[in-house]
Protein backbone atom coordinates (compact mmCIF):
# COMPACT_ATOMS: atom_id res chain seq x y z
CA MET A 1 17.62 8.46 -2.97
CA VAL A 2 13.91 7.75 -2.28
CA LEU A 3 12.27 9.18 0.79
CA GLU A 4 9.08 7.61 1.76
CA GLY A 5 5.97 10.06 3.27
CA GLY A 6 4.45 9.52 6.31
CA GLY A 7 3.33 12.54 8.25
CA MET A 8 5.80 12.79 10.93
CA ARG A 9 7.07 9.72 10.76
CA GLY A 10 9.09 11.90 8.09
CA LEU A 11 11.34 12.94 10.96
CA TYR A 12 12.92 9.38 11.30
CA THR A 13 13.86 10.42 7.22
CA ALA A 14 15.54 13.87 8.59
CA GLY A 15 17.47 11.72 11.41
CA VAL A 16 18.69 9.56 8.59
CA LEU A 17 19.76 12.70 6.36
CA ASP A 18 20.90 14.72 9.09
CA VAL A 19 23.53 11.58 9.37
CA PHE A 20 24.51 11.33 5.63
CA MET A 21 25.16 15.25 5.97
CA GLU A 22 27.12 15.00 8.61
CA HIS A 23 29.49 12.25 6.90
CA GLY A 24 29.41 14.27 3.40
CA VAL A 25 27.40 11.53 1.95
CA GLU A 26 26.30 13.33 -1.38
CA PHE A 27 23.68 12.00 -4.08
CA VAL A 28 23.01 12.70 -7.99
CA HIS A 29 19.18 12.80 -7.28
CA ALA A 30 16.60 11.96 -4.72
CA VAL A 31 12.79 12.19 -5.04
CA GLY A 32 10.57 12.26 -1.83
CA VAL A 33 7.05 11.76 -1.31
CA SER A 34 5.03 13.75 1.03
CA ALA A 35 7.03 14.35 4.18
CA GLY A 36 10.02 12.98 2.46
CA ALA A 37 9.70 16.03 0.35
CA ALA A 38 8.37 18.43 2.87
CA PHE A 39 11.57 17.58 5.38
CA GLY A 40 13.90 15.90 2.73
CA VAL A 41 14.52 18.96 1.00
CA ASN A 42 16.68 20.27 3.57
CA ILE A 43 19.42 17.88 1.96
CA LYS A 44 19.04 19.89 -0.97
CA SER A 45 20.08 23.16 0.95
CA ARG A 46 22.40 21.05 3.15
CA GLN A 47 20.62 22.40 6.43
CA VAL A 48 21.19 19.77 8.86
CA GLY A 49 19.17 19.71 11.94
CA ARG A 50 16.41 22.29 10.44
CA ALA A 51 13.70 19.47 10.17
CA ILE A 52 13.31 18.89 13.64
CA ARG A 53 14.57 22.21 15.01
CA TYR A 54 11.24 23.48 13.68
CA ASN A 55 9.02 20.86 13.69
CA LYS A 56 9.63 20.91 17.71
CA ARG A 57 9.42 24.57 17.80
CA PHE A 58 6.00 25.22 16.29
CA CYS A 59 4.22 21.71 16.96
CA ALA A 60 2.54 22.53 19.75
CA ASP A 61 1.65 25.96 18.19
CA PRO A 62 -1.64 26.41 16.62
CA ARG A 63 -0.86 28.45 14.04
CA TYR A 64 0.97 25.49 12.62
CA ALA A 65 -1.43 22.59 12.86
CA SER A 66 -4.60 22.28 14.19
CA LEU A 67 -8.00 20.94 14.53
CA LYS A 68 -9.38 24.54 14.68
CA ASN A 69 -7.48 25.56 11.36
CA LEU A 70 -8.87 22.52 9.58
CA LEU A 71 -12.68 23.54 10.37
CA ARG A 72 -12.35 27.16 9.93
CA THR A 73 -9.77 26.76 6.44
CA GLY A 74 -10.02 22.83 5.47
CA GLU A 75 -6.34 22.80 6.09
CA LEU A 76 -4.92 20.92 9.17
CA TYR A 77 -1.53 22.76 8.47
CA SER A 78 -1.86 26.62 7.79
CA ILE A 79 -0.61 27.46 4.24
CA ASP A 80 0.24 31.01 5.69
CA PHE A 81 2.31 30.05 8.58
CA ALA A 82 3.47 26.38 8.13
CA TYR A 83 4.09 27.24 4.56
CA ARG A 84 5.05 30.39 3.94
CA GLU A 85 5.62 31.82 7.54
CA VAL A 86 7.89 29.09 8.92
CA PRO A 87 10.35 28.42 5.78
CA LEU A 88 10.41 32.07 4.69
CA HIS A 89 10.99 34.32 8.04
CA LEU A 90 10.82 32.36 11.21
CA ASP A 91 13.49 29.28 10.31
CA PRO A 92 14.81 29.84 6.58
CA PHE A 93 15.18 27.84 3.76
CA ASP A 94 18.32 28.59 2.40
CA THR A 95 17.37 29.24 -1.34
CA GLU A 96 20.63 30.48 -2.69
CA ALA A 97 22.18 26.83 -1.12
CA ALA A 98 19.90 24.89 -2.74
CA ALA A 99 20.04 26.68 -5.93
CA ALA A 100 23.96 26.31 -5.55
CA ASN A 101 23.39 22.45 -4.88
CA PRO A 102 23.62 20.24 -8.34
CA MET A 103 21.75 17.42 -6.62
CA ARG A 104 18.43 16.83 -8.33
CA PHE A 105 15.53 17.36 -5.83
CA THR A 106 11.90 15.74 -6.96
CA ALA A 107 8.76 16.32 -5.14
CA VAL A 108 6.03 13.46 -6.31
CA CYS A 109 2.30 14.97 -6.32
CA THR A 110 -1.22 12.93 -7.15
CA ASP A 111 -3.20 14.65 -10.16
CA ILE A 112 -6.53 13.82 -8.43
CA VAL A 113 -8.40 14.38 -12.05
CA THR A 114 -6.12 12.14 -14.22
CA GLY A 115 -4.68 9.80 -11.13
CA GLU A 116 -1.64 10.08 -12.71
CA ALA A 117 1.66 10.64 -10.65
CA VAL A 118 3.05 14.04 -11.05
CA TYR A 119 7.37 15.15 -10.63
CA ARG A 120 8.45 18.44 -9.95
CA ASP A 121 11.80 19.01 -9.64
CA ILE A 122 12.35 21.68 -6.48
CA GLU A 123 15.47 24.02 -7.52
CA ARG A 124 15.02 26.75 -5.03
CA GLY A 125 12.52 25.98 -2.29
CA ASP A 126 11.00 29.48 -2.62
CA GLY A 127 7.07 30.38 -3.22
CA ASP A 128 6.51 28.68 -6.03
CA ASP A 129 8.56 25.54 -4.89
CA LEU A 130 7.18 25.44 -1.14
CA ASP A 131 3.49 25.38 -3.38
CA TRP A 132 4.67 22.25 -5.01
CA ILE A 133 6.20 20.59 -1.67
CA ARG A 134 2.63 21.41 0.00
CA ALA A 135 0.65 19.91 -2.99
CA SER A 136 2.90 16.63 -2.43
CA ALA A 137 1.93 16.63 1.24
CA SER A 138 -1.94 17.72 1.08
CA VAL A 139 -3.43 14.44 2.64
CA PRO A 140 -7.24 13.89 1.68
CA LEU A 141 -9.89 14.97 3.95
CA LEU A 142 -6.95 17.08 5.76
CA ALA A 143 -6.14 19.14 3.19
CA ARG A 144 -7.78 21.10 0.02
CA PRO A 145 -6.26 19.88 -3.53
CA VAL A 146 -3.72 22.55 -4.46
CA GLU A 147 -4.19 24.10 -7.90
CA LEU A 148 -0.84 24.48 -9.87
CA ASP A 149 0.21 24.57 -13.83
CA GLY A 150 -3.90 23.60 -14.27
CA ARG A 151 -3.57 20.21 -12.49
CA GLU A 152 -5.59 19.59 -9.45
CA LEU A 153 -2.86 18.04 -6.26
CA LEU A 154 -2.34 16.08 -3.35
CA ASP A 155 -0.48 13.97 -1.75
CA GLY A 156 2.19 12.11 -3.98
CA GLY A 157 1.97 8.97 -1.54
CA ILE A 158 -1.88 7.98 -3.22
CA ALA A 159 -0.36 7.58 -6.46
CA ASN A 160 3.26 6.82 -5.70
CA SER A 161 4.16 6.26 -2.01
CA ILE A 162 7.70 4.50 -3.08
CA PRO A 163 9.00 5.46 -6.35
CA ALA A 164 11.99 3.22 -6.10
CA ALA A 165 10.95 1.75 -9.80
CA TRP A 166 10.55 5.48 -11.18
CA MET A 167 14.20 6.47 -9.93
CA VAL A 168 15.92 3.07 -11.71
CA ALA A 169 13.91 4.19 -14.89
CA GLN A 170 15.68 7.20 -14.40
CA GLY A 171 18.69 5.20 -15.58
CA TYR A 172 19.82 4.98 -11.82
CA SER A 173 21.62 1.79 -10.77
CA LYS A 174 22.53 2.16 -7.13
CA ASN A 175 19.72 3.62 -4.93
CA VAL A 176 19.45 4.36 -1.41
CA VAL A 177 15.95 3.76 -0.23
CA ILE A 178 14.35 5.35 2.83
CA LEU A 179 11.09 3.64 4.41
CA THR A 180 9.57 4.96 7.51
CA GLN A 181 7.61 1.16 7.94
CA PRO A 182 9.62 -1.50 9.85
CA ALA A 183 10.25 -4.49 8.59
CA GLY A 184 7.06 -7.00 8.21
CA PHE A 185 4.67 -3.87 7.40
CA VAL A 186 1.64 -4.50 5.46
CA LYS A 187 -0.63 -1.67 4.49
CA GLU A 188 -4.32 -2.50 5.33
CA PRO A 189 -7.27 -1.23 3.42
CA ILE A 190 -8.22 2.54 3.85
CA SER A 191 -10.91 2.23 6.54
CA LEU A 192 -12.13 5.49 5.73
CA MET A 193 -13.12 4.81 2.19
CA PRO A 194 -16.96 5.13 2.59
CA LEU A 195 -16.44 8.79 3.62
CA LEU A 196 -13.49 9.49 0.91
CA LYS A 197 -15.95 7.73 -1.80
CA ARG A 198 -18.56 10.70 -0.39
CA ALA A 199 -15.90 13.74 -0.25
CA TYR A 200 -14.39 13.05 -3.32
CA ALA A 201 -17.26 11.50 -5.61
CA ALA A 202 -16.10 14.33 -8.26
CA TYR A 203 -12.99 12.69 -8.66
CA PRO A 204 -13.12 8.88 -9.52
CA LYS A 205 -9.74 8.19 -10.48
CA LEU A 206 -9.23 9.41 -6.70
CA VAL A 207 -11.18 6.92 -5.12
CA GLU A 208 -10.11 4.17 -7.18
CA LEU A 209 -6.41 4.92 -6.21
CA LEU A 210 -7.39 5.50 -2.62
CA ALA A 211 -9.48 1.94 -2.44
CA ASN A 212 -6.40 -0.08 -3.89
CA ARG A 213 -3.58 2.11 -2.42
CA HIS A 214 -2.65 -0.70 0.13
CA VAL A 215 -2.38 -3.45 -2.65
CA ARG A 216 -0.12 -1.35 -4.66
CA TYR A 217 2.07 -0.08 -1.35
CA ASN A 218 2.55 -3.96 -0.37
CA ALA A 219 3.32 -4.37 -4.28
CA GLN A 220 6.16 -1.77 -3.85
CA LEU A 221 7.46 -3.19 -1.06
CA GLU A 222 8.03 -6.49 -2.82
CA GLU A 223 9.35 -4.58 -5.74
CA VAL A 224 11.98 -2.28 -3.21
CA ALA A 225 12.91 -6.17 -2.04
CA ARG A 226 13.58 -7.55 -5.41
CA LEU A 227 16.07 -3.96 -6.17
CA GLU A 228 17.37 -4.48 -2.76
CA ARG A 229 18.89 -8.08 -3.87
CA ASP A 230 19.72 -7.46 -7.04
CA GLY A 231 22.30 -4.67 -5.93
CA LYS A 232 19.80 -1.75 -6.81
CA ALA A 233 19.14 -0.60 -3.61
CA LEU A 234 20.07 -0.43 -0.39
CA VAL A 235 17.21 0.20 2.11
CA ILE A 236 17.20 1.81 5.51
CA ARG A 237 13.87 1.27 7.63
CA PRO A 238 12.86 2.29 11.23
CA SER A 239 14.54 -0.49 13.47
CA GLU A 240 11.60 0.26 15.78
CA SER A 241 8.39 1.50 15.28
CA VAL A 242 8.22 5.34 15.08
CA LYS A 243 4.10 5.71 14.61
CA ALA A 244 2.86 9.29 15.20
CA PRO A 245 -0.62 11.19 14.53
CA LEU A 246 -0.37 13.48 11.55
CA ALA A 247 0.16 16.30 14.15
CA VAL A 248 2.10 15.81 17.27
CA LYS A 249 1.92 18.29 19.90
CA ASP A 250 4.79 17.26 21.86
CA PRO A 251 7.98 17.66 20.99
CA GLU A 252 9.59 14.82 22.91
CA VAL A 253 7.40 12.74 20.29
CA LEU A 254 8.98 14.16 17.73
CA GLU A 255 12.81 13.76 19.43
CA ARG A 256 12.31 10.20 19.33
CA ILE A 257 11.47 9.42 15.87
CA TYR A 258 14.10 11.61 14.97
CA GLN A 259 16.59 9.98 16.89
CA ILE A 260 15.52 6.61 15.91
CA GLY A 261 16.23 7.77 12.59
CA ARG A 262 20.02 8.97 13.48
CA ALA A 263 21.01 6.00 15.25
CA ASP A 264 19.81 3.71 12.53
CA ALA A 265 21.85 5.58 10.03
CA GLU A 266 25.13 5.76 12.59
CA ALA A 267 24.64 2.09 12.43
CA ARG A 268 24.85 1.80 8.67
CA ILE A 269 26.80 4.90 7.44
CA ASP A 270 30.15 2.78 6.79
CA GLU A 271 27.79 0.09 4.63
CA VAL A 272 26.05 3.36 2.56
CA VAL A 273 29.27 4.97 2.00
CA ALA A 274 30.72 1.49 0.70
CA TYR A 275 27.60 1.13 -1.78
CA LEU A 276 27.67 4.18 -2.94
CA TYR A 277 31.06 4.88 -3.71
């Protein structure tokens, strides 16, 4: 299974995955990018409803995400609260269940020095794993690079937004790909490139990736369409727009996105089961 990112559009994916779990649909391996990793990892611990629950509970809490936090620390989403207090204490990720689940879950990050995609398996969802998930979801300008294993990392979507071809290369001939943009979407060039060039002048590989990201993303959509025609992918995408700002303060906006995911999954669940089994 391939889980695209997209900030709070990722709650669409959470809705799809909750329906999969409720219907007992199991996967051998899932790869998540950015929000696809942060919200999608709950399928590893089989925690139905967790992603929408904690996001609705804390979305308006300035400790979770705020402009003040960004200006003070360089992080829109608080490291201490969003990536420690919430998953470890306030709405705990079930590390024991995750460790017991044989499904492999991989998070994608971008090495901003080399420009390479970095793939890291999330095995328990403990402190170290949470840092890798944070790195996967660290959007340029809204988070500082995360230093792990001697690498400087940011959002996995920069290097590999839709790792369907990567999953096929792992040997999987049937893949469910969950996108967070509706059919017909075409990514445009990043409007903030002048600012990004100045902010990341010390990282030319990163700047190059950002400048050409729309070209690679649109090519990946074409690749996904080809895989779908060849029977190597079943694609689920929003039936309507789930566009949202990176930080949503209204829990009802999040609920709407989540429910669209649930409805789309329920409409396709028989097809998914027939495809996989």
